[in-house]
Amino acid sequence: MNRRGRRSSEDSSVTTATDTASTSRTVETNESKPKAKLDKSGLYDMQQVKRLLDDEVMAFMDDQGYVESTFVSNVKIVAGTIAVAAALYSHFGPGEFPANKPVVFACVAIYIFCVSLINLTSFVLEASAIYVGTLTSRMIQVSQGSLAKKIWVHTTIGGKGSSDYKVELRLASRSKKGSVAKSTPYEKFITEDGRFLSDVFRAEMRSILSELSPGVKKTN
């Protein structure tokens, strides 16, 4: 092979190696780039944004050592199941109306009681909170009283043309005594292309939690 041929071969090899490295870097960059959690149309859907942020709030509380209380949810499931069963039995049970009038009235009474129980537990125990968390026994020892043992988390978004996402932490279900609330435009946590800024959001949540529980550890 002459000198010109060898030089052409070497140039081709260098070009191929450069293209391969460039492609590798591009793939690596694309893989490391976080995926958008919302599409651009979702940025203007308040309920979609709220669901995303609410999920992140609950994940943050779990990471702080809280365990979500399922008592109210369990009561709702049991009461709802009984209510449905009573309604079905009143329609498809043995006998025909008016001969089975006492049975039908009993089923209606059971249904009303169960629905009332569901609403009552939601209103009194949950108070429309998206999250009710109890600190684990291990975290109670580790925190040494710097974290509240039980927290109710309430959130709202928008209202009167604003894009504020409001987080309120309470120490009791219905009392606002000792509660902490903060409103922040949700655009602070979500970029224009729908990417969620987890570090910014968690820093905001730690700030709110520290106001409710002075001395909370500043860790993820």
N, C-alpha and C. Protein backbone atom coordinates (compact mmCIF):
# COMPACT_ATOMS: atom_id res chain seq x y z
N MET A 1 0.86 -1.20 0.00
CA MET A 1 0.00 0.00 0.00
C MET A 1 0.89 1.24 0.00
N ASN A 2 0.56 2.24 -0.86
CA ASN A 2 1.38 3.45 -0.91
C ASN A 2 1.05 4.38 0.26
N ARG A 3 1.84 5.47 0.33
CA ARG A 3 1.69 6.39 1.47
C ARG A 3 0.33 7.05 1.48
N ARG A 4 -0.18 7.42 0.27
CA ARG A 4 -1.49 8.08 0.19
C ARG A 4 -2.59 7.14 0.65
N GLY A 5 -2.48 5.86 0.32
CA GLY A 5 -3.48 4.87 0.72
C GLY A 5 -3.50 4.67 2.22
N ARG A 6 -2.29 4.60 2.82
CA ARG A 6 -2.22 4.42 4.28
C ARG A 6 -2.82 5.62 5.01
N ARG A 7 -2.52 6.84 4.48
CA ARG A 7 -3.03 8.06 5.11
C ARG A 7 -4.56 8.10 5.04
N SER A 8 -5.11 7.69 3.89
CA SER A 8 -6.56 7.66 3.73
C SER A 8 -7.19 6.67 4.70
N SER A 9 -6.53 5.52 4.86
CA SER A 9 -7.05 4.50 5.78
C SER A 9 -7.02 4.99 7.21
N GLU A 10 -5.91 5.68 7.58
CA GLU A 10 -5.79 6.20 8.95
C GLU A 10 -6.85 7.27 9.21
N ASP A 11 -7.07 8.16 8.20
CA ASP A 11 -8.08 9.23 8.36
C ASP A 11 -9.45 8.63 8.55
N SER A 12 -9.73 7.56 7.79
CA SER A 12 -11.03 6.90 7.89
C SER A 12 -11.22 6.29 9.26
N SER A 13 -10.16 5.67 9.81
CA SER A 13 -10.23 5.06 11.14
C SER A 13 -10.47 6.09 12.21
N VAL A 14 -9.78 7.25 12.08
CA VAL A 14 -9.93 8.33 13.07
C VAL A 14 -11.35 8.88 13.03
N THR A 15 -11.87 9.04 11.78
CA THR A 15 -13.23 9.56 11.63
C THR A 15 -14.25 8.61 12.24
N THR A 16 -14.07 7.32 11.99
CA THR A 16 -14.99 6.31 12.54
C THR A 16 -14.94 6.30 14.05
N ALA A 17 -13.73 6.37 14.60
CA ALA A 17 -13.58 6.37 16.06
C ALA A 17 -14.22 7.60 16.68
N THR A 18 -14.06 8.76 15.98
CA THR A 18 -14.64 10.01 16.49
C THR A 18 -16.16 9.94 16.46
N ASP A 19 -16.72 9.42 15.37
CA ASP A 19 -18.17 9.28 15.25
C ASP A 19 -18.73 8.35 16.31
N THR A 20 -17.99 7.24 16.57
CA THR A 20 -18.42 6.27 17.57
C THR A 20 -18.44 6.89 18.96
N ALA A 21 -17.36 7.65 19.25
CA ALA A 21 -17.28 8.30 20.57
C ALA A 21 -18.37 9.33 20.72
N SER A 22 -18.63 10.09 19.62
CA SER A 22 -19.67 11.11 19.66
C SER A 22 -21.04 10.48 19.88
N THR A 23 -21.29 9.37 19.17
CA THR A 23 -22.57 8.65 19.33
C THR A 23 -22.72 8.12 20.74
N SER A 24 -21.61 7.59 21.28
CA SER A 24 -21.63 7.04 22.64
C SER A 24 -21.96 8.12 23.65
N ARG A 25 -21.35 9.31 23.46
CA ARG A 25 -21.61 10.42 24.38
C ARG A 25 -23.04 10.87 24.28
N THR A 26 -23.59 10.89 23.04
CA THR A 26 -24.97 11.31 22.85
C THR A 26 -25.93 10.37 23.54
N VAL A 27 -25.70 9.05 23.37
CA VAL A 27 -26.55 8.04 24.00
C VAL A 27 -26.44 8.15 25.50
N GLU A 28 -25.23 8.34 26.01
CA GLU A 28 -25.01 8.44 27.45
C GLU A 28 -25.71 9.65 28.02
N THR A 29 -25.64 10.79 27.26
CA THR A 29 -26.29 12.02 27.71
C THR A 29 -27.80 11.85 27.75
N ASN A 30 -28.34 11.20 26.70
CA ASN A 30 -29.78 10.99 26.64
C ASN A 30 -30.26 10.07 27.75
N GLU A 31 -29.46 9.07 28.10
CA GLU A 31 -29.85 8.14 29.16
C GLU A 31 -29.79 8.79 30.52
N SER A 32 -28.79 9.69 30.70
CA SER A 32 -28.64 10.33 32.01
C SER A 32 -29.60 11.49 32.21
N LYS A 33 -30.14 12.01 31.09
CA LYS A 33 -31.07 13.13 31.18
C LYS A 33 -32.40 12.66 31.74
N PRO A 34 -32.89 13.27 32.81
CA PRO A 34 -34.14 12.81 33.41
C PRO A 34 -35.32 12.95 32.46
N LYS A 35 -36.21 11.98 32.47
CA LYS A 35 -37.38 12.02 31.62
C LYS A 35 -38.43 12.97 32.19
N ALA A 36 -39.14 13.61 31.30
CA ALA A 36 -40.19 14.52 31.73
C ALA A 36 -41.32 13.75 32.40
N LYS A 37 -41.82 14.28 33.53
CA LYS A 37 -42.93 13.64 34.22
C LYS A 37 -44.27 14.15 33.73
N LEU A 38 -44.25 15.26 33.01
CA LEU A 38 -45.48 15.82 32.44
C LEU A 38 -45.20 16.24 31.01
N ASP A 39 -46.17 16.04 30.12
CA ASP A 39 -46.01 16.62 28.79
C ASP A 39 -46.39 18.09 28.87
N LYS A 40 -46.11 18.82 27.80
CA LYS A 40 -46.31 20.27 27.84
C LYS A 40 -47.77 20.65 28.06
N SER A 41 -48.68 19.84 27.52
CA SER A 41 -50.10 20.13 27.72
C SER A 41 -50.50 19.94 29.18
N GLY A 42 -49.82 19.01 29.87
CA GLY A 42 -50.11 18.74 31.27
C GLY A 42 -49.69 19.86 32.20
N LEU A 43 -48.82 20.73 31.73
CA LEU A 43 -48.35 21.84 32.57
C LEU A 43 -49.48 22.82 32.91
N TYR A 44 -50.53 22.79 32.12
CA TYR A 44 -51.65 23.72 32.34
C TYR A 44 -52.87 23.00 32.90
N ASP A 45 -52.71 21.73 33.21
CA ASP A 45 -53.77 20.95 33.83
C ASP A 45 -53.52 20.91 35.33
N MET A 46 -54.23 21.74 36.07
CA MET A 46 -53.97 21.88 37.50
C MET A 46 -54.11 20.56 38.26
N GLN A 47 -55.10 19.77 37.91
CA GLN A 47 -55.32 18.52 38.62
C GLN A 47 -54.19 17.53 38.35
N GLN A 48 -53.68 17.52 37.11
CA GLN A 48 -52.57 16.63 36.79
C GLN A 48 -51.31 17.05 37.53
N VAL A 49 -51.08 18.35 37.59
CA VAL A 49 -49.92 18.87 38.33
C VAL A 49 -50.06 18.55 39.82
N LYS A 50 -51.28 18.73 40.35
CA LYS A 50 -51.51 18.45 41.77
C LYS A 50 -51.26 16.98 42.10
N ARG A 51 -51.71 16.08 41.22
CA ARG A 51 -51.48 14.65 41.47
C ARG A 51 -49.99 14.35 41.52
N LEU A 52 -49.24 14.94 40.61
CA LEU A 52 -47.79 14.73 40.59
C LEU A 52 -47.15 15.23 41.88
N LEU A 53 -47.48 16.46 42.28
CA LEU A 53 -46.88 17.04 43.48
C LEU A 53 -47.36 16.32 44.74
N ASP A 54 -48.62 15.93 44.78
CA ASP A 54 -49.14 15.18 45.94
C ASP A 54 -48.38 13.86 46.12
N ASP A 55 -48.14 13.17 45.00
CA ASP A 55 -47.39 11.92 45.07
C ASP A 55 -45.99 12.15 45.61
N GLU A 56 -45.39 13.26 45.19
CA GLU A 56 -44.03 13.57 45.67
C GLU A 56 -44.04 13.94 47.16
N VAL A 57 -45.11 14.61 47.60
CA VAL A 57 -45.24 14.93 49.03
C VAL A 57 -45.29 13.65 49.85
N MET A 58 -46.12 12.70 49.41
CA MET A 58 -46.26 11.43 50.15
C MET A 58 -44.96 10.64 50.15
N ALA A 59 -44.25 10.65 49.03
CA ALA A 59 -42.95 9.95 48.96
C ALA A 59 -41.95 10.62 49.90
N PHE A 60 -41.99 11.94 49.97
CA PHE A 60 -41.09 12.67 50.88
C PHE A 60 -41.37 12.32 52.34
N MET A 61 -42.65 12.29 52.71
CA MET A 61 -43.01 11.97 54.08
C MET A 61 -42.58 10.55 54.45
N ASP A 62 -42.75 9.63 53.51
CA ASP A 62 -42.30 8.25 53.74
C ASP A 62 -40.80 8.21 53.99
N ASP A 63 -40.05 9.00 53.21
CA ASP A 63 -38.59 9.02 53.34
C ASP A 63 -38.15 9.64 54.67
N GLN A 64 -39.01 10.45 55.27
CA GLN A 64 -38.66 11.06 56.55
C GLN A 64 -38.94 10.13 57.72
N GLY A 65 -39.46 8.94 57.44
CA GLY A 65 -39.69 7.96 58.51
C GLY A 65 -41.14 7.83 58.93
N TYR A 66 -42.06 8.44 58.16
CA TYR A 66 -43.48 8.33 58.49
C TYR A 66 -44.11 7.16 57.73
N VAL A 67 -45.11 6.57 58.34
CA VAL A 67 -45.86 5.48 57.72
C VAL A 67 -47.30 5.95 57.57
N GLU A 68 -47.82 5.86 56.35
CA GLU A 68 -49.17 6.33 56.10
C GLU A 68 -50.20 5.48 56.84
N SER A 69 -51.09 6.14 57.55
CA SER A 69 -52.14 5.44 58.28
C SER A 69 -53.20 4.93 57.30
N THR A 70 -53.53 3.65 57.43
CA THR A 70 -54.53 3.05 56.53
C THR A 70 -55.85 2.77 57.25
N PHE A 71 -55.98 3.24 58.49
CA PHE A 71 -57.18 2.94 59.27
C PHE A 71 -58.45 3.45 58.58
N VAL A 72 -58.42 4.72 58.18
CA VAL A 72 -59.60 5.31 57.55
C VAL A 72 -59.91 4.62 56.23
N SER A 73 -58.87 4.32 55.46
CA SER A 73 -59.07 3.62 54.18
C SER A 73 -59.69 2.25 54.40
N ASN A 74 -59.23 1.56 55.43
CA ASN A 74 -59.78 0.23 55.73
C ASN A 74 -61.25 0.32 56.15
N VAL A 75 -61.56 1.34 56.95
CA VAL A 75 -62.96 1.53 57.36
C VAL A 75 -63.83 1.80 56.14
N LYS A 76 -63.34 2.62 55.22
CA LYS A 76 -64.10 2.94 54.01
C LYS A 76 -64.34 1.69 53.17
N ILE A 77 -63.30 0.88 53.03
CA ILE A 77 -63.42 -0.33 52.21
C ILE A 77 -64.45 -1.29 52.80
N VAL A 78 -64.35 -1.52 54.13
CA VAL A 78 -65.29 -2.44 54.78
C VAL A 78 -66.71 -1.90 54.71
N ALA A 79 -66.89 -0.62 55.06
CA ALA A 79 -68.23 -0.02 55.05
C ALA A 79 -68.80 0.01 53.63
N GLY A 80 -67.95 0.32 52.65
CA GLY A 80 -68.41 0.36 51.26
C GLY A 80 -68.83 -1.01 50.77
N THR A 81 -68.07 -2.04 51.15
CA THR A 81 -68.41 -3.42 50.76
C THR A 81 -69.75 -3.84 51.34
N ILE A 82 -69.96 -3.51 52.63
CA ILE A 82 -71.23 -3.86 53.28
C ILE A 82 -72.40 -3.11 52.63
N ALA A 83 -72.17 -1.84 52.30
CA ALA A 83 -73.22 -1.03 51.68
C ALA A 83 -73.62 -1.62 50.32
N VAL A 84 -72.63 -2.00 49.53
CA VAL A 84 -72.92 -2.59 48.21
C VAL A 84 -73.65 -3.92 48.37
N ALA A 85 -73.19 -4.72 49.32
CA ALA A 85 -73.84 -6.02 49.56
C ALA A 85 -75.30 -5.84 49.97
N ALA A 86 -75.56 -4.86 50.84
CA ALA A 86 -76.94 -4.60 51.27
C ALA A 86 -77.81 -4.13 50.11
N ALA A 87 -77.24 -3.28 49.25
CA ALA A 87 -78.00 -2.79 48.09
C ALA A 87 -78.34 -3.93 47.13
N LEU A 88 -77.37 -4.80 46.90
CA LEU A 88 -77.61 -5.93 46.00
C LEU A 88 -78.64 -6.90 46.57
N TYR A 89 -78.53 -7.13 47.88
CA TYR A 89 -79.46 -8.07 48.52
C TYR A 89 -80.89 -7.53 48.48
N SER A 90 -81.03 -6.23 48.63
CA SER A 90 -82.38 -5.65 48.61
C SER A 90 -83.04 -5.82 47.25
N HIS A 91 -82.24 -5.89 46.18
CA HIS A 91 -82.78 -6.03 44.83
C HIS A 91 -82.94 -7.50 44.41
N PHE A 92 -81.94 -8.31 44.78
CA PHE A 92 -81.91 -9.68 44.27
C PHE A 92 -82.14 -10.75 45.34
N GLY A 93 -82.45 -10.31 46.57
CA GLY A 93 -82.70 -11.26 47.64
C GLY A 93 -84.03 -11.99 47.44
N PRO A 94 -84.26 -13.02 48.24
CA PRO A 94 -85.51 -13.80 48.11
C PRO A 94 -86.74 -12.96 48.45
N GLY A 95 -87.85 -13.31 47.85
CA GLY A 95 -89.11 -12.61 48.12
C GLY A 95 -89.33 -11.45 47.18
N GLU A 96 -90.56 -10.98 47.13
CA GLU A 96 -90.92 -9.85 46.29
C GLU A 96 -91.57 -8.77 47.14
N PHE A 97 -91.37 -7.53 46.69
CA PHE A 97 -91.99 -6.39 47.38
C PHE A 97 -93.50 -6.40 47.09
N PRO A 98 -94.38 -6.14 48.06
CA PRO A 98 -94.11 -5.66 49.43
C PRO A 98 -93.96 -6.74 50.48
N ALA A 99 -93.94 -8.00 50.06
CA ALA A 99 -93.83 -9.07 51.06
C ALA A 99 -92.50 -9.01 51.81
N ASN A 100 -91.46 -8.59 51.12
CA ASN A 100 -90.14 -8.52 51.77
C ASN A 100 -89.80 -7.10 52.22
N LYS A 101 -90.85 -6.31 52.48
CA LYS A 101 -90.65 -4.91 52.89
C LYS A 101 -89.69 -4.76 54.08
N PRO A 102 -89.80 -5.55 55.16
CA PRO A 102 -88.87 -5.40 56.28
C PRO A 102 -87.41 -5.60 55.88
N VAL A 103 -87.19 -6.59 55.00
CA VAL A 103 -85.81 -6.85 54.54
C VAL A 103 -85.28 -5.67 53.74
N VAL A 104 -86.10 -5.13 52.84
CA VAL A 104 -85.69 -3.98 52.03
C VAL A 104 -85.39 -2.77 52.91
N PHE A 105 -86.25 -2.49 53.88
CA PHE A 105 -86.03 -1.37 54.79
C PHE A 105 -84.75 -1.56 55.60
N ALA A 106 -84.48 -2.81 56.01
CA ALA A 106 -83.26 -3.10 56.76
C ALA A 106 -82.03 -2.86 55.90
N CYS A 107 -82.10 -3.27 54.63
CA CYS A 107 -80.98 -3.06 53.72
C CYS A 107 -80.74 -1.56 53.47
N VAL A 108 -81.83 -0.80 53.33
CA VAL A 108 -81.71 0.64 53.13
C VAL A 108 -81.07 1.29 54.36
N ALA A 109 -81.49 0.84 55.55
CA ALA A 109 -80.93 1.39 56.79
C ALA A 109 -79.44 1.08 56.90
N ILE A 110 -79.06 -0.15 56.54
CA ILE A 110 -77.64 -0.54 56.57
C ILE A 110 -76.85 0.30 55.58
N TYR A 111 -77.41 0.50 54.39
CA TYR A 111 -76.72 1.29 53.35
C TYR A 111 -76.49 2.72 53.83
N ILE A 112 -77.54 3.33 54.37
CA ILE A 112 -77.43 4.72 54.86
C ILE A 112 -76.39 4.81 55.98
N PHE A 113 -76.41 3.83 56.89
CA PHE A 113 -75.45 3.84 57.99
C PHE A 113 -74.01 3.75 57.48
N CYS A 114 -73.77 2.86 56.54
CA CYS A 114 -72.41 2.67 56.02
C CYS A 114 -71.91 3.90 55.28
N VAL A 115 -72.78 4.49 54.46
CA VAL A 115 -72.39 5.71 53.73
C VAL A 115 -72.11 6.85 54.71
N SER A 116 -72.93 6.96 55.74
CA SER A 116 -72.72 8.00 56.77
C SER A 116 -71.41 7.77 57.50
N LEU A 117 -71.11 6.50 57.78
CA LEU A 117 -69.86 6.17 58.46
C LEU A 117 -68.65 6.56 57.61
N ILE A 118 -68.74 6.31 56.31
CA ILE A 118 -67.65 6.68 55.40
C ILE A 118 -67.42 8.19 55.41
N ASN A 119 -68.51 8.95 55.30
CA ASN A 119 -68.39 10.41 55.30
C ASN A 119 -67.90 10.95 56.63
N LEU A 120 -68.37 10.33 57.71
CA LEU A 120 -67.99 10.80 59.04
C LEU A 120 -66.51 10.57 59.32
N THR A 121 -66.03 9.38 58.98
CA THR A 121 -64.61 9.08 59.21
C THR A 121 -63.72 9.97 58.36
N SER A 122 -64.17 10.25 57.13
CA SER A 122 -63.39 11.14 56.25
C SER A 122 -63.35 12.56 56.82
N PHE A 123 -64.49 13.01 57.33
CA PHE A 123 -64.58 14.39 57.82
C PHE A 123 -63.86 14.57 59.15
N VAL A 124 -64.04 13.62 60.08
CA VAL A 124 -63.49 13.77 61.43
C VAL A 124 -62.04 13.31 61.52
N LEU A 125 -61.76 12.13 61.01
CA LEU A 125 -60.42 11.56 61.19
C LEU A 125 -59.42 12.00 60.13
N GLU A 126 -59.90 12.10 58.88
CA GLU A 126 -58.99 12.46 57.80
C GLU A 126 -58.99 13.95 57.53
N ALA A 127 -60.14 14.57 57.68
CA ALA A 127 -60.29 16.01 57.46
C ALA A 127 -59.77 16.42 56.08
N SER A 128 -60.05 15.60 55.07
CA SER A 128 -59.66 15.87 53.68
C SER A 128 -58.15 15.91 53.47
N ALA A 129 -57.41 15.32 54.37
CA ALA A 129 -55.96 15.27 54.22
C ALA A 129 -55.58 14.27 53.14
N ILE A 130 -54.53 14.58 52.38
CA ILE A 130 -54.07 13.64 51.35
C ILE A 130 -53.15 12.59 51.97
N TYR A 131 -52.66 12.88 53.19
CA TYR A 131 -51.72 11.96 53.83
C TYR A 131 -51.80 12.14 55.34
N VAL A 132 -51.95 11.02 56.04
CA VAL A 132 -51.90 11.03 57.50
C VAL A 132 -50.78 10.05 57.88
N GLY A 133 -49.71 10.60 58.42
CA GLY A 133 -48.54 9.77 58.70
C GLY A 133 -48.20 9.69 60.17
N THR A 134 -47.77 8.50 60.58
CA THR A 134 -47.33 8.26 61.96
C THR A 134 -45.85 7.88 61.93
N LEU A 135 -45.08 8.52 62.77
CA LEU A 135 -43.65 8.26 62.82
C LEU A 135 -43.38 6.86 63.36
N THR A 136 -42.48 6.13 62.72
CA THR A 136 -42.15 4.78 63.17
C THR A 136 -41.44 4.85 64.53
N SER A 137 -41.53 3.76 65.28
CA SER A 137 -40.91 3.73 66.61
C SER A 137 -39.40 3.94 66.52
N ARG A 138 -38.79 3.41 65.48
CA ARG A 138 -37.35 3.58 65.31
C ARG A 138 -37.01 5.04 65.09
N MET A 139 -37.80 5.73 64.23
CA MET A 139 -37.53 7.14 63.96
C MET A 139 -37.84 8.01 65.16
N ILE A 140 -38.76 7.59 66.01
CA ILE A 140 -39.04 8.34 67.24
C ILE A 140 -37.79 8.37 68.11
N GLN A 141 -37.12 7.23 68.20
CA GLN A 141 -35.89 7.15 68.98
C GLN A 141 -34.76 7.93 68.33
N VAL A 142 -34.64 7.80 67.00
CA VAL A 142 -33.55 8.48 66.28
C VAL A 142 -33.73 9.99 66.31
N SER A 143 -34.96 10.46 66.10
CA SER A 143 -35.20 11.90 66.03
C SER A 143 -35.13 12.58 67.39
N GLN A 144 -35.33 11.80 68.46
CA GLN A 144 -35.28 12.33 69.82
C GLN A 144 -36.20 13.54 70.01
N GLY A 145 -37.40 13.41 69.51
CA GLY A 145 -38.40 14.46 69.70
C GLY A 145 -38.35 15.60 68.71
N SER A 146 -37.44 15.53 67.71
CA SER A 146 -37.34 16.63 66.74
C SER A 146 -38.39 16.53 65.64
N LEU A 147 -39.06 15.38 65.55
CA LEU A 147 -40.11 15.20 64.54
C LEU A 147 -41.45 14.94 65.23
N ALA A 148 -42.50 15.50 64.65
CA ALA A 148 -43.85 15.27 65.19
C ALA A 148 -44.21 13.80 65.03
N LYS A 149 -44.88 13.22 66.01
CA LYS A 149 -45.22 11.79 65.96
C LYS A 149 -46.32 11.50 64.94
N LYS A 150 -47.19 12.48 64.70
CA LYS A 150 -48.26 12.27 63.72
C LYS A 150 -48.52 13.58 62.98
N ILE A 151 -48.70 13.47 61.67
CA ILE A 151 -48.87 14.65 60.84
C ILE A 151 -49.99 14.43 59.83
N TRP A 152 -50.81 15.47 59.67
CA TRP A 152 -51.84 15.50 58.62
C TRP A 152 -51.35 16.46 57.55
N VAL A 153 -51.36 16.02 56.31
CA VAL A 153 -50.88 16.85 55.19
C VAL A 153 -52.06 17.23 54.31
N HIS A 154 -52.25 18.54 54.11
CA HIS A 154 -53.31 19.06 53.24
C HIS A 154 -52.64 19.84 52.10
N THR A 155 -53.19 19.71 50.90
CA THR A 155 -52.66 20.45 49.76
C THR A 155 -53.80 21.01 48.92
N THR A 156 -53.54 22.16 48.32
CA THR A 156 -54.47 22.76 47.36
C THR A 156 -53.63 23.39 46.25
N ILE A 157 -54.27 23.65 45.13
CA ILE A 157 -53.55 24.29 44.02
C ILE A 157 -54.47 25.25 43.29
N GLY A 158 -53.88 26.33 42.81
CA GLY A 158 -54.64 27.29 42.02
C GLY A 158 -55.63 28.08 42.85
N GLY A 159 -56.64 28.58 42.20
CA GLY A 159 -57.63 29.41 42.87
C GLY A 159 -57.40 30.87 42.54
N LYS A 160 -58.42 31.53 42.04
CA LYS A 160 -58.35 32.95 41.72
C LYS A 160 -57.25 33.25 40.71
N GLY A 161 -57.07 32.36 39.76
CA GLY A 161 -56.12 32.59 38.68
C GLY A 161 -54.66 32.39 39.04
N SER A 162 -54.37 31.90 40.24
CA SER A 162 -52.97 31.71 40.63
C SER A 162 -52.53 30.29 40.33
N SER A 163 -51.21 30.08 40.34
CA SER A 163 -50.65 28.75 40.13
C SER A 163 -49.98 28.25 41.40
N ASP A 164 -50.38 28.83 42.54
CA ASP A 164 -49.75 28.46 43.81
C ASP A 164 -50.14 27.05 44.24
N TYR A 165 -49.13 26.31 44.67
CA TYR A 165 -49.35 24.99 45.27
C TYR A 165 -49.14 25.16 46.77
N LYS A 166 -50.20 24.94 47.54
CA LYS A 166 -50.15 25.17 48.98
C LYS A 166 -50.04 23.85 49.72
N VAL A 167 -49.05 23.78 50.59
CA VAL A 167 -48.87 22.61 51.45
C VAL A 167 -49.09 23.05 52.89
N GLU A 168 -49.95 22.32 53.60
CA GLU A 168 -50.20 22.62 55.00
C GLU A 168 -49.98 21.35 55.84
N LEU A 169 -49.13 21.46 56.85
CA LEU A 169 -48.88 20.35 57.76
C LEU A 169 -49.55 20.67 59.09
N ARG A 170 -50.31 19.70 59.62
CA ARG A 170 -51.01 19.89 60.88
C ARG A 170 -50.62 18.81 61.88
N LEU A 171 -50.72 19.19 63.15
CA LEU A 171 -50.45 18.23 64.23
C LEU A 171 -51.74 17.58 64.72
N ALA A 172 -52.88 18.06 64.23
CA ALA A 172 -54.18 17.48 64.58
C ALA A 172 -55.06 17.52 63.34
N SER A 173 -56.07 16.63 63.30
CA SER A 173 -56.85 16.49 62.07
C SER A 173 -57.59 17.75 61.68
N ARG A 174 -58.25 18.41 62.64
CA ARG A 174 -59.07 19.56 62.29
C ARG A 174 -58.57 20.87 62.89
N SER A 175 -57.69 20.80 63.85
CA SER A 175 -57.19 22.01 64.47
C SER A 175 -56.00 22.58 63.69
N LYS A 176 -56.01 23.89 63.48
CA LYS A 176 -54.89 24.53 62.80
C LYS A 176 -53.85 25.06 63.77
N LYS A 177 -54.06 24.79 65.04
CA LYS A 177 -53.09 25.23 66.05
C LYS A 177 -51.78 24.46 65.86
N GLY A 178 -50.71 25.19 65.72
CA GLY A 178 -49.41 24.56 65.53
C GLY A 178 -49.17 24.10 64.10
N SER A 179 -50.07 24.49 63.17
CA SER A 179 -49.90 24.07 61.78
C SER A 179 -48.97 25.03 61.04
N VAL A 180 -48.43 24.56 59.93
CA VAL A 180 -47.56 25.37 59.08
C VAL A 180 -48.04 25.24 57.65
N ALA A 181 -48.17 26.35 56.96
CA ALA A 181 -48.62 26.34 55.56
C ALA A 181 -47.73 27.23 54.73
N LYS A 182 -47.51 26.82 53.50
CA LYS A 182 -46.70 27.63 52.58
C LYS A 182 -47.20 27.44 51.16
N SER A 183 -47.31 28.56 50.44
CA SER A 183 -47.74 28.52 49.04
C SER A 183 -46.59 28.91 48.13
N THR A 184 -46.40 28.14 47.08
CA THR A 184 -45.32 28.37 46.12
C THR A 184 -45.84 28.11 44.72
N PRO A 185 -45.55 28.98 43.75
CA PRO A 185 -45.96 28.69 42.37
C PRO A 185 -45.37 27.35 41.91
N TYR A 186 -46.21 26.50 41.35
CA TYR A 186 -45.72 25.17 40.99
C TYR A 186 -44.65 25.22 39.89
N GLU A 187 -44.59 26.33 39.15
CA GLU A 187 -43.56 26.46 38.11
C GLU A 187 -42.15 26.40 38.70
N LYS A 188 -42.04 26.62 40.01
CA LYS A 188 -40.73 26.55 40.64
C LYS A 188 -40.21 25.11 40.67
N PHE A 189 -41.13 24.14 40.63
CA PHE A 189 -40.75 22.73 40.75
C PHE A 189 -40.79 21.96 39.43
N ILE A 190 -41.39 22.55 38.39
CA ILE A 190 -41.53 21.87 37.11
C ILE A 190 -41.05 22.79 36.00
N THR A 191 -40.13 22.30 35.18
CA THR A 191 -39.59 23.12 34.10
C THR A 191 -40.60 23.23 32.96
N GLU A 192 -40.28 24.07 31.99
CA GLU A 192 -41.19 24.30 30.87
C GLU A 192 -41.37 23.06 30.01
N ASP A 193 -40.39 22.13 30.05
CA ASP A 193 -40.53 20.90 29.26
C ASP A 193 -41.05 19.74 30.11
N GLY A 194 -41.57 20.05 31.31
CA GLY A 194 -42.25 19.05 32.12
C GLY A 194 -41.38 18.25 33.06
N ARG A 195 -40.12 18.66 33.25
CA ARG A 195 -39.23 17.91 34.14
C ARG A 195 -39.41 18.36 35.59
N PHE A 196 -39.51 17.40 36.47
CA PHE A 196 -39.74 17.69 37.89
C PHE A 196 -38.41 17.90 38.59
N LEU A 197 -38.29 19.02 39.31
CA LEU A 197 -37.05 19.35 40.03
C LEU A 197 -37.17 18.83 41.46
N SER A 198 -36.78 17.58 41.62
CA SER A 198 -36.96 16.90 42.90
C SER A 198 -36.19 17.57 44.03
N ASP A 199 -34.94 17.97 43.77
CA ASP A 199 -34.12 18.58 44.82
C ASP A 199 -34.74 19.88 45.33
N VAL A 200 -35.26 20.68 44.39
CA VAL A 200 -35.88 21.96 44.77
C VAL A 200 -37.13 21.70 45.60
N PHE A 201 -37.94 20.74 45.16
CA PHE A 201 -39.18 20.43 45.86
C PHE A 201 -38.91 19.89 47.26
N ARG A 202 -37.95 18.97 47.37
CA ARG A 202 -37.65 18.39 48.69
C ARG A 202 -37.05 19.42 49.64
N ALA A 203 -36.27 20.35 49.11
CA ALA A 203 -35.74 21.42 49.95
C ALA A 203 -36.87 22.27 50.52
N GLU A 204 -37.89 22.50 49.68
CA GLU A 204 -39.06 23.28 50.13
C GLU A 204 -39.82 22.51 51.21
N MET A 205 -39.99 21.20 51.00
CA MET A 205 -40.71 20.38 51.98
C MET A 205 -39.94 20.30 53.30
N ARG A 206 -38.62 20.18 53.23
CA ARG A 206 -37.83 20.13 54.46
C ARG A 206 -37.95 21.44 55.24
N SER A 207 -38.04 22.55 54.50
CA SER A 207 -38.20 23.86 55.14
C SER A 207 -39.53 23.93 55.89
N ILE A 208 -40.61 23.44 55.25
CA ILE A 208 -41.92 23.46 55.89
C ILE A 208 -41.94 22.53 57.10
N LEU A 209 -41.38 21.34 56.94
CA LEU A 209 -41.36 20.36 58.03
C LEU A 209 -40.54 20.86 59.21
N SER A 210 -39.45 21.58 58.93
CA SER A 210 -38.61 22.09 60.00
C SER A 210 -39.32 23.18 60.80
N GLU A 211 -40.21 23.93 60.14
CA GLU A 211 -40.99 24.95 60.85
C GLU A 211 -42.00 24.31 61.79
N LEU A 212 -42.55 23.17 61.36
CA LEU A 212 -43.51 22.46 62.21
C LEU A 212 -42.80 21.73 63.33
N SER A 213 -41.64 21.16 63.00
CA SER A 213 -40.86 20.38 63.97
C SER A 213 -39.45 20.92 64.02
N PRO A 214 -39.18 21.93 64.84
CA PRO A 214 -37.84 22.50 64.92
C PRO A 214 -36.81 21.41 65.24
N GLY A 215 -35.69 21.48 64.52
CA GLY A 215 -34.62 20.50 64.77
C GLY A 215 -34.67 19.31 63.85
N VAL A 216 -35.59 19.35 62.86
CA VAL A 216 -35.65 18.23 61.94
C VAL A 216 -34.34 18.14 61.16
N LYS A 217 -33.90 16.93 60.90
CA LYS A 217 -32.64 16.72 60.23
C LYS A 217 -32.73 17.16 58.78
N LYS A 218 -31.74 17.89 58.31
CA LYS A 218 -31.71 18.40 56.94
C LYS A 218 -31.09 17.35 56.02
N THR A 219 -31.75 16.25 55.86
CA THR A 219 -31.26 15.18 54.99
C THR A 219 -32.36 14.76 54.06
N ASN A 220 -31.99 14.09 52.97
CA ASN A 220 -32.98 13.60 52.02
C ASN A 220 -33.75 12.45 52.59
